[in-house]
Amino acid sequence: MAHLKSHQQLTEELKEAKKLVVIGGRYSHYKHPENTYKIVGLGIQESTDKICVFYHPEYMDDKITFVRDLDNWLETPEMNGTKVERFKLIVS
């Protein structure tokens, strides 16, 4: 399948994403701050060329890997009338 972006563009986007998300870092989610998630890597969704975050929920016994696109990871939803980080870095 032909990609929408060039190899160089994808490489640059991954490089920039690494400035925004700490690989190996632990994050909490705004809805359940008691639960932590460890970032295991970044990747590219093949069908859309979107940068994605790969992470493990540390509160689960088995290490399921979840994937969320970077734009969604970085969103600031509203909670009680205030914009909050969807995922907040707690340990880098």
C-alpha atoms as a PDB file:
ATOM      1  CA  MET A   1       0.000   0.000   0.000  1.00  0.00           C
ATOM      2  CA  ALA A   2       1.275   3.455  -0.845  1.00  0.00           C
ATOM      3  CA  HIS A   3       1.632   5.742   2.129  1.00  0.00           C
ATOM      4  CA  LEU A   4       0.062   9.168   2.233  1.00  0.00           C
ATOM      5  CA  LYS A   5       3.301  10.647   3.568  1.00  0.00           C
ATOM      6  CA  SER A   6       6.914  10.154   2.612  1.00  0.00           C
ATOM      7  CA  HIS A   7       9.336   8.101   4.693  1.00  0.00           C
ATOM      8  CA  GLN A   8      11.083  11.359   5.604  1.00  0.00           C
ATOM      9  CA  GLN A   9       7.818  12.963   6.771  1.00  0.00           C
ATOM     10  CA  LEU A  10       6.928   9.939   8.897  1.00  0.00           C
ATOM     11  CA  THR A  11      10.409   9.842  10.420  1.00  0.00           C
ATOM     12  CA  GLU A  12      10.197  13.545  11.280  1.00  0.00           C
ATOM     13  CA  GLU A  13       6.724  13.141  12.809  1.00  0.00           C
ATOM     14  CA  LEU A  14       7.955  10.267  14.994  1.00  0.00           C
ATOM     15  CA  LYS A  15      10.908  12.399  16.085  1.00  0.00           C
ATOM     16  CA  GLU A  16       8.563  15.241  17.062  1.00  0.00           C
ATOM     17  CA  ALA A  17       6.189  12.839  18.844  1.00  0.00           C
ATOM     18  CA  LYS A  18       9.080  11.650  21.033  1.00  0.00           C
ATOM     19  CA  LYS A  19       9.291  15.214  22.362  1.00  0.00           C
ATOM     20  CA  LEU A  20       5.632  15.037  23.435  1.00  0.00           C
ATOM     21  CA  VAL A  21       5.358  11.507  24.853  1.00  0.00           C
ATOM     22  CA  VAL A  22       7.995   9.909  27.080  1.00  0.00           C
ATOM     23  CA  ILE A  23       8.701   6.324  26.048  1.00  0.00           C
ATOM     24  CA  GLY A  24       8.994   4.337  29.270  1.00  0.00           C
ATOM     25  CA  GLY A  25       7.129   7.087  31.103  1.00  0.00           C
ATOM     26  CA  ARG A  26       4.138   6.457  33.323  1.00  0.00           C
ATOM     27  CA  TYR A  27       0.953   8.393  32.785  1.00  0.00           C
ATOM     28  CA  SER A  28      -2.414   8.693  34.503  1.00  0.00           C
ATOM     29  CA  HIS A  29      -5.755   9.196  32.759  1.00  0.00           C
ATOM     30  CA  TYR A  30      -7.924  12.103  33.832  1.00  0.00           C
ATOM     31  CA  LYS A  31     -10.977   9.886  34.492  1.00  0.00           C
ATOM     32  CA  HIS A  32      -9.107   7.424  36.720  1.00  0.00           C
ATOM     33  CA  PRO A  33      -5.879   9.030  38.000  1.00  0.00           C
ATOM     34  CA  GLU A  34      -5.256   6.064  40.317  1.00  0.00           C
ATOM     35  CA  ASN A  35      -4.579   3.848  37.276  1.00  0.00           C
ATOM     36  CA  THR A  36      -1.224   4.163  35.544  1.00  0.00           C
ATOM     37  CA  TYR A  37      -0.139   3.398  32.018  1.00  0.00           C
ATOM     38  CA  LYS A  38       3.397   2.748  30.808  1.00  0.00           C
ATOM     39  CA  ILE A  39       4.384   3.936  27.343  1.00  0.00           C
ATOM     40  CA  VAL A  40       6.068   1.115  25.434  1.00  0.00           C
ATOM     41  CA  GLY A  41       6.585   2.887  22.132  1.00  0.00           C
ATOM     42  CA  LEU A  42       5.365   4.947  19.241  1.00  0.00           C
ATOM     43  CA  GLY A  43       4.406   3.733  15.808  1.00  0.00           C
ATOM     44  CA  ILE A  44       2.587   4.561  12.621  1.00  0.00           C
ATOM     45  CA  GLN A  45      -0.879   3.320  11.795  1.00  0.00           C
ATOM     46  CA  GLU A  46      -0.253   1.805   8.382  1.00  0.00           C
ATOM     47  CA  SER A  47      -3.612   2.642   6.809  1.00  0.00           C
ATOM     48  CA  THR A  48      -3.693   6.323   7.845  1.00  0.00           C
ATOM     49  CA  ASP A  49      -0.053   7.262   8.552  1.00  0.00           C
ATOM     50  CA  LYS A  50      -1.140   8.599  11.955  1.00  0.00           C
ATOM     51  CA  ILE A  51       1.386   8.498  14.773  1.00  0.00           C
ATOM     52  CA  CYS A  52       0.170   6.212  17.566  1.00  0.00           C
ATOM     53  CA  VAL A  53       1.079   5.636  21.199  1.00  0.00           C
ATOM     54  CA  PHE A  54       1.476   2.035  22.426  1.00  0.00           C
ATOM     55  CA  TYR A  55       0.906   1.563  26.148  1.00  0.00           C
ATOM     56  CA  HIS A  56       0.276  -1.013  28.866  1.00  0.00           C
ATOM     57  CA  PRO A  57      -2.258  -0.476  31.652  1.00  0.00           C
ATOM     58  CA  GLU A  58      -0.226  -1.261  34.769  1.00  0.00           C
ATOM     59  CA  TYR A  59      -3.280  -2.018  36.871  1.00  0.00           C
ATOM     60  CA  MET A  60      -4.042  -5.166  34.836  1.00  0.00           C
ATOM     61  CA  ASP A  61      -2.405  -8.507  35.559  1.00  0.00           C
ATOM     62  CA  ASP A  62      -1.778  -9.347  31.926  1.00  0.00           C
ATOM     63  CA  LYS A  63       0.133  -6.883  29.808  1.00  0.00           C
ATOM     64  CA  ILE A  64      -2.337  -6.060  27.075  1.00  0.00           C
ATOM     65  CA  THR A  65      -1.006  -3.445  24.692  1.00  0.00           C
ATOM     66  CA  PHE A  66      -3.355  -0.624  23.786  1.00  0.00           C
ATOM     67  CA  VAL A  67      -2.911   1.759  20.877  1.00  0.00           C
ATOM     68  CA  ARG A  68      -4.214   5.313  20.693  1.00  0.00           C
ATOM     69  CA  ASP A  69      -3.445   7.872  18.035  1.00  0.00           C
ATOM     70  CA  LEU A  70      -1.194  10.691  19.206  1.00  0.00           C
ATOM     71  CA  ASP A  71      -3.754  13.411  18.520  1.00  0.00           C
ATOM     72  CA  ASN A  72      -6.239  11.682  20.806  1.00  0.00           C
ATOM     73  CA  TRP A  73      -3.541  11.012  23.436  1.00  0.00           C
ATOM     74  CA  LEU A  74      -2.726  14.734  23.556  1.00  0.00           C
ATOM     75  CA  GLU A  75      -6.325  15.988  23.592  1.00  0.00           C
ATOM     76  CA  THR A  76      -7.480  18.193  26.427  1.00  0.00           C
ATOM     77  CA  PRO A  77     -11.071  17.188  27.213  1.00  0.00           C
ATOM     78  CA  GLU A  78     -13.267  19.219  29.504  1.00  0.00           C
ATOM     79  CA  MET A  79     -13.952  18.011  33.031  1.00  0.00           C
ATOM     80  CA  ASN A  80     -16.198  20.018  35.361  1.00  0.00           C
ATOM     81  CA  GLY A  81     -15.875  23.019  33.041  1.00  0.00           C
ATOM     82  CA  THR A  82     -12.058  22.922  32.956  1.00  0.00           C
ATOM     83  CA  LYS A  83      -9.739  21.697  30.192  1.00  0.00           C
ATOM     84  CA  VAL A  84      -7.523  18.857  31.446  1.00  0.00           C
ATOM     85  CA  GLU A  85      -4.835  16.646  29.949  1.00  0.00           C
ATOM     86  CA  ARG A  86      -6.291  13.304  28.844  1.00  0.00           C
ATOM     87  CA  PHE A  87      -3.046  11.603  29.952  1.00  0.00           C
ATOM     88  CA  LYS A  88      -0.699  13.259  32.449  1.00  0.00           C
ATOM     89  CA  LEU A  89       2.944  12.298  32.872  1.00  0.00           C
ATOM     90  CA  ILE A  90       3.545  11.246  36.466  1.00  0.00           C
ATOM     91  CA  VAL A  91       6.964   9.505  36.186  1.00  0.00           C
ATOM     92  CA  SER A  92       9.431   9.961  33.345  1.00  0.00           C
END
